[in-house]
Amino acid sequence: MTRLGSEFLKALDSYERPVIGYITFRQLVLLFGIGLTVLVTSVLFWFQMPNVVLYGVGLTVLAPFVIFGCHIDEKIKDELRFLLTKQERTYQTDYDRKEYTRNDFAQAKTNPETLES
Protein backbone atom coordinates (compact mmCIF):
# COMPACT_ATOMS: atom_id res chain seq x y z
CA MET A 1 0.00 0.00 0.00
CA THR A 2 1.41 3.37 -0.94
CA ARG A 3 1.17 6.28 1.44
CA LEU A 4 0.27 9.74 0.29
CA GLY A 5 1.03 11.61 3.49
CA SER A 6 -2.07 10.42 5.32
CA GLU A 7 -2.11 8.62 8.61
CA PHE A 8 -2.82 4.92 8.35
CA LEU A 9 -3.21 2.46 11.17
CA LYS A 10 -0.29 0.14 11.82
CA ALA A 11 -0.64 -3.55 11.28
CA LEU A 12 -1.50 -5.32 14.52
CA ASP A 13 1.73 -7.31 14.59
CA SER A 14 3.94 -4.20 14.28
CA TYR A 15 3.13 -2.76 17.71
CA GLU A 16 5.93 -2.80 20.25
CA ARG A 17 6.05 -5.57 22.76
CA PRO A 18 6.77 -4.90 26.45
CA VAL A 19 10.35 -5.47 27.62
CA ILE A 20 10.00 -5.28 31.40
CA GLY A 21 6.49 -5.72 32.76
CA TYR A 22 4.29 -3.38 30.73
CA ILE A 23 7.14 -1.01 29.77
CA THR A 24 8.26 -0.96 26.14
CA PHE A 25 11.82 -0.25 24.97
CA ARG A 26 10.91 3.32 23.98
CA GLN A 27 9.46 4.02 27.41
CA LEU A 28 12.57 2.56 29.01
CA VAL A 29 14.79 4.88 26.93
CA LEU A 30 12.56 7.85 27.87
CA LEU A 31 12.83 7.03 31.59
CA PHE A 32 16.61 6.66 31.25
CA GLY A 33 16.77 10.07 29.56
CA ILE A 34 14.71 11.70 32.29
CA GLY A 35 16.97 10.17 34.95
CA LEU A 36 20.11 11.24 33.10
CA THR A 37 18.77 14.79 32.73
CA VAL A 38 17.95 15.00 36.44
CA LEU A 39 21.42 13.70 37.29
CA VAL A 40 23.25 16.12 34.97
CA THR A 41 21.22 19.17 36.03
CA SER A 42 21.64 18.23 39.70
CA VAL A 43 25.42 18.11 39.30
CA LEU A 44 25.38 21.46 37.48
CA PHE A 45 23.16 22.91 40.19
CA TRP A 46 25.56 21.63 42.84
CA PHE A 47 28.42 23.43 41.04
CA GLN A 48 26.22 26.60 41.12
CA MET A 49 26.01 27.12 37.39
CA PRO A 50 23.71 29.89 36.09
CA ASN A 51 20.09 28.95 35.42
CA VAL A 52 20.46 29.56 31.69
CA VAL A 53 23.16 26.89 31.54
CA LEU A 54 21.01 24.50 33.59
CA TYR A 55 18.00 24.91 31.28
CA GLY A 56 20.12 24.74 28.12
CA VAL A 57 21.94 21.56 29.13
CA GLY A 58 18.72 20.05 30.46
CA LEU A 59 16.87 20.62 27.19
CA THR A 60 19.85 19.49 25.12
CA VAL A 61 20.16 16.22 27.04
CA LEU A 62 16.42 15.53 27.32
CA ALA A 63 15.29 16.41 23.77
CA PRO A 64 16.61 13.30 21.93
CA PHE A 65 15.16 10.96 24.55
CA VAL A 66 11.74 12.62 24.33
CA ILE A 67 11.81 12.54 20.52
CA PHE A 68 12.58 8.82 20.53
CA GLY A 69 10.42 7.88 23.51
CA CYS A 70 7.25 9.63 22.32
CA HIS A 71 7.40 8.28 18.72
CA ILE A 72 8.06 11.76 17.34
CA ASP A 73 10.99 10.35 15.36
CA GLU A 74 8.61 8.19 13.28
CA LYS A 75 6.45 11.21 12.49
CA ILE A 76 9.50 13.27 11.51
CA LYS A 77 10.82 10.40 9.38
CA ASP A 78 7.46 10.02 7.59
CA GLU A 79 7.19 13.75 6.91
CA LEU A 80 10.76 13.97 5.58
CA ARG A 81 10.29 10.91 3.40
CA PHE A 82 7.06 12.38 1.99
CA LEU A 83 8.66 15.77 1.32
CA LEU A 84 11.83 14.33 -0.27
CA THR A 85 10.16 11.65 -2.40
CA LYS A 86 9.66 12.59 -6.01
CA GLN A 87 5.95 12.25 -6.60
CA GLU A 88 4.49 11.71 -10.00
CA ARG A 89 0.88 12.74 -10.36
CA THR A 90 -1.23 11.92 -13.36
CA TYR A 91 -3.63 14.33 -14.99
CA GLN A 92 -6.22 13.93 -17.70
CA THR A 93 -4.03 15.80 -20.16
CA ASP A 94 -1.36 13.09 -19.84
CA TYR A 95 -3.51 10.55 -21.66
CA ASP A 96 -5.43 10.45 -24.93
CA ARG A 97 -8.18 12.91 -24.36
CA LYS A 98 -11.55 12.84 -26.05
CA GLU A 99 -12.36 16.04 -27.87
CA TYR A 100 -15.79 17.47 -27.18
CA THR A 101 -17.84 19.67 -29.43
CA ARG A 102 -19.78 22.72 -28.38
CA ASN A 103 -23.15 20.98 -27.94
CA ASP A 104 -22.04 17.75 -26.24
CA PHE A 105 -23.18 18.87 -22.79
CA ALA A 106 -26.25 20.89 -23.78
CA GLN A 107 -29.55 19.39 -22.71
CA ALA A 108 -32.30 18.81 -25.18
CA LYS A 109 -34.86 21.61 -25.12
CA THR A 110 -37.84 19.34 -25.56
CA ASN A 111 -40.52 19.00 -22.93
CA PRO A 112 -42.07 15.53 -22.76
CA GLU A 113 -45.49 16.99 -21.77
CA THR A 114 -45.82 19.01 -24.94
CA LEU A 115 -44.60 16.34 -27.31
CA GLU A 116 -47.26 14.97 -29.59
CA SER A 117 -47.31 11.31 -30.24
C-alpha atoms as a PDB file:
ATOM      1  CA  MET A   1       0.000   0.000   0.000  1.00  0.00           C
ATOM      2  CA  THR A   2       1.412   3.375  -0.942  1.00  0.00           C
ATOM      3  CA  ARG A   3       1.169   6.276   1.444  1.00  0.00           C
ATOM      4  CA  LEU A   4       0.266   9.737   0.290  1.00  0.00           C
ATOM      5  CA  GLY A   5       1.033  11.606   3.490  1.00  0.00           C
ATOM      6  CA  SER A   6      -2.070  10.424   5.316  1.00  0.00           C
ATOM      7  CA  GLU A   7      -2.107   8.620   8.613  1.00  0.00           C
ATOM      8  CA  PHE A   8      -2.815   4.925   8.352  1.00  0.00           C
ATOM      9  CA  LEU A   9      -3.206   2.456  11.171  1.00  0.00           C
ATOM     10  CA  LYS A  10      -0.291   0.144  11.818  1.00  0.00           C
ATOM     11  CA  ALA A  11      -0.638  -3.552  11.280  1.00  0.00           C
ATOM     12  CA  LEU A  12      -1.503  -5.321  14.519  1.00  0.00           C
ATOM     13  CA  ASP A  13       1.733  -7.314  14.592  1.00  0.00           C
ATOM     14  CA  SER A  14       3.940  -4.200  14.276  1.00  0.00           C
ATOM     15  CA  TYR A  15       3.126  -2.761  17.710  1.00  0.00           C
ATOM     16  CA  GLU A  16       5.930  -2.802  20.246  1.00  0.00           C
ATOM     17  CA  ARG A  17       6.048  -5.573  22.759  1.00  0.00           C
ATOM     18  CA  PRO A  18       6.769  -4.899  26.450  1.00  0.00           C
ATOM     19  CA  VAL A  19      10.345  -5.474  27.619  1.00  0.00           C
ATOM     20  CA  ILE A  20      10.001  -5.280  31.400  1.00  0.00           C
ATOM     21  CA  GLY A  21       6.491  -5.716  32.759  1.00  0.00           C
ATOM     22  CA  TYR A  22       4.293  -3.378  30.734  1.00  0.00           C
ATOM     23  CA  ILE A  23       7.138  -1.007  29.774  1.00  0.00           C
ATOM     24  CA  THR A  24       8.263  -0.960  26.143  1.00  0.00           C
ATOM     25  CA  PHE A  25      11.817  -0.254  24.970  1.00  0.00           C
ATOM     26  CA  ARG A  26      10.912   3.316  23.976  1.00  0.00           C
ATOM     27  CA  GLN A  27       9.456   4.019  27.408  1.00  0.00           C
ATOM     28  CA  LEU A  28      12.571   2.558  29.009  1.00  0.00           C
ATOM     29  CA  VAL A  29      14.786   4.882  26.930  1.00  0.00           C
ATOM     30  CA  LEU A  30      12.564   7.849  27.872  1.00  0.00           C
ATOM     31  CA  LEU A  31      12.835   7.026  31.590  1.00  0.00           C
ATOM     32  CA  PHE A  32      16.613   6.656  31.253  1.00  0.00           C
ATOM     33  CA  GLY A  33      16.766  10.068  29.560  1.00  0.00           C
ATOM     34  CA  ILE A  34      14.710  11.698  32.291  1.00  0.00           C
ATOM     35  CA  GLY A  35      16.971  10.167  34.955  1.00  0.00           C
ATOM     36  CA  LEU A  36      20.115  11.242  33.103  1.00  0.00           C
ATOM     37  CA  THR A  37      18.767  14.789  32.732  1.00  0.00           C
ATOM     38  CA  VAL A  38      17.954  14.997  36.442  1.00  0.00           C
ATOM     39  CA  LEU A  39      21.418  13.702  37.292  1.00  0.00           C
ATOM     40  CA  VAL A  40      23.253  16.123  34.973  1.00  0.00           C
ATOM     41  CA  THR A  41      21.225  19.175  36.029  1.00  0.00           C
ATOM     42  CA  SER A  42      21.641  18.227  39.698  1.00  0.00           C
ATOM     43  CA  VAL A  43      25.418  18.106  39.300  1.00  0.00           C
ATOM     44  CA  LEU A  44      25.384  21.457  37.477  1.00  0.00           C
ATOM     45  CA  PHE A  45      23.157  22.913  40.192  1.00  0.00           C
ATOM     46  CA  TRP A  46      25.564  21.634  42.839  1.00  0.00           C
ATOM     47  CA  PHE A  47      28.416  23.429  41.038  1.00  0.00           C
ATOM     48  CA  GLN A  48      26.223  26.595  41.123  1.00  0.00           C
ATOM     49  CA  MET A  49      26.005  27.119  37.387  1.00  0.00           C
ATOM     50  CA  PRO A  50      23.711  29.887  36.089  1.00  0.00           C
ATOM     51  CA  ASN A  51      20.090  28.955  35.416  1.00  0.00           C
ATOM     52  CA  VAL A  52      20.465  29.560  31.690  1.00  0.00           C
ATOM     53  CA  VAL A  53      23.164  26.891  31.540  1.00  0.00           C
ATOM     54  CA  LEU A  54      21.007  24.501  33.591  1.00  0.00           C
ATOM     55  CA  TYR A  55      18.003  24.909  31.279  1.00  0.00           C
ATOM     56  CA  GLY A  56      20.124  24.738  28.123  1.00  0.00           C
ATOM     57  CA  VAL A  57      21.941  21.562  29.130  1.00  0.00           C
ATOM     58  CA  GLY A  58      18.716  20.046  30.458  1.00  0.00           C
ATOM     59  CA  LEU A  59      16.873  20.616  27.190  1.00  0.00           C
ATOM     60  CA  THR A  60      19.852  19.487  25.124  1.00  0.00           C
ATOM     61  CA  VAL A  61      20.164  16.224  27.043  1.00  0.00           C
ATOM     62  CA  LEU A  62      16.423  15.528  27.316  1.00  0.00           C
ATOM     63  CA  ALA A  63      15.294  16.410  23.770  1.00  0.00           C
ATOM     64  CA  PRO A  64      16.611  13.299  21.930  1.00  0.00           C
ATOM     65  CA  PHE A  65      15.161  10.965  24.546  1.00  0.00           C
ATOM     66  CA  VAL A  66      11.743  12.621  24.328  1.00  0.00           C
ATOM     67  CA  ILE A  67      11.806  12.541  20.525  1.00  0.00           C
ATOM     68  CA  PHE A  68      12.581   8.818  20.529  1.00  0.00           C
ATOM     69  CA  GLY A  69      10.422   7.880  23.514  1.00  0.00           C
ATOM     70  CA  CYS A  70       7.249   9.631  22.317  1.00  0.00           C
ATOM     71  CA  HIS A  71       7.401   8.275  18.716  1.00  0.00           C
ATOM     72  CA  ILE A  72       8.062  11.759  17.341  1.00  0.00           C
ATOM     73  CA  ASP A  73      10.993  10.346  15.356  1.00  0.00           C
ATOM     74  CA  GLU A  74       8.612   8.193  13.283  1.00  0.00           C
ATOM     75  CA  LYS A  75       6.453  11.210  12.487  1.00  0.00           C
ATOM     76  CA  ILE A  76       9.497  13.265  11.507  1.00  0.00           C
ATOM     77  CA  LYS A  77      10.822  10.402   9.381  1.00  0.00           C
ATOM     78  CA  ASP A  78       7.458  10.016   7.589  1.00  0.00           C
ATOM     79  CA  GLU A  79       7.193  13.750   6.914  1.00  0.00           C
ATOM     80  CA  LEU A  80      10.756  13.974   5.585  1.00  0.00           C
ATOM     81  CA  ARG A  81      10.291  10.906   3.401  1.00  0.00           C
ATOM     82  CA  PHE A  82       7.063  12.376   1.991  1.00  0.00           C
ATOM     83  CA  LEU A  83       8.662  15.766   1.318  1.00  0.00           C
ATOM     84  CA  LEU A  84      11.826  14.333  -0.267  1.00  0.00           C
ATOM     85  CA  THR A  85      10.163  11.648  -2.404  1.00  0.00           C
ATOM     86  CA  LYS A  86       9.663  12.592  -6.009  1.00  0.00           C
ATOM     87  CA  GLN A  87       5.950  12.250  -6.597  1.00  0.00           C
ATOM     88  CA  GLU A  88       4.487  11.711 -10.004  1.00  0.00           C
ATOM     89  CA  ARG A  89       0.882  12.745 -10.359  1.00  0.00           C
ATOM     90  CA  THR A  90      -1.229  11.919 -13.365  1.00  0.00           C
ATOM     91  CA  TYR A  91      -3.630  14.327 -14.991  1.00  0.00           C
ATOM     92  CA  GLN A  92      -6.223  13.932 -17.697  1.00  0.00           C
ATOM     93  CA  THR A  93      -4.026  15.801 -20.155  1.00  0.00           C
ATOM     94  CA  ASP A  94      -1.358  13.090 -19.842  1.00  0.00           C
ATOM     95  CA  TYR A  95      -3.514  10.545 -21.659  1.00  0.00           C
ATOM     96  CA  ASP A  96      -5.426  10.445 -24.930  1.00  0.00           C
ATOM     97  CA  ARG A  97      -8.181  12.908 -24.356  1.00  0.00           C
ATOM     98  CA  LYS A  98     -11.549  12.837 -26.053  1.00  0.00           C
ATOM     99  CA  GLU A  99     -12.362  16.042 -27.867  1.00  0.00           C
ATOM    100  CA  TYR A 100     -15.794  17.469 -27.176  1.00  0.00           C
ATOM    101  CA  THR A 101     -17.842  19.666 -29.433  1.00  0.00           C
ATOM    102  CA  ARG A 102     -19.785  22.717 -28.380  1.00  0.00           C
ATOM    103  CA  ASN A 103     -23.152  20.977 -27.941  1.00  0.00           C
ATOM    104  CA  ASP A 104     -22.041  17.745 -26.244  1.00  0.00           C
ATOM    105  CA  PHE A 105     -23.182  18.867 -22.790  1.00  0.00           C
ATOM    106  CA  ALA A 106     -26.255  20.891 -23.782  1.00  0.00           C
ATOM    107  CA  GLN A 107     -29.550  19.389 -22.707  1.00  0.00           C
ATOM    108  CA  ALA A 108     -32.296  18.815 -25.181  1.00  0.00           C
ATOM    109  CA  LYS A 109     -34.858  21.609 -25.125  1.00  0.00           C
ATOM    110  CA  THR A 110     -37.842  19.342 -25.560  1.00  0.00           C
ATOM    111  CA  ASN A 111     -40.524  19.005 -22.934  1.00  0.00           C
ATOM    112  CA  PRO A 112     -42.072  15.530 -22.761  1.00  0.00           C
ATOM    113  CA  GLU A 113     -45.487  16.986 -21.772  1.00  0.00           C
ATOM    114  CA  THR A 114     -45.824  19.005 -24.944  1.00  0.00           C
ATOM    115  CA  LEU A 115     -44.601  16.343 -27.311  1.00  0.00           C
ATOM    116  CA  GLU A 116     -47.255  14.975 -29.588  1.00  0.00           C
ATOM    117  CA  SER A 117     -47.313  11.309 -30.238  1.00  0.00           C
END
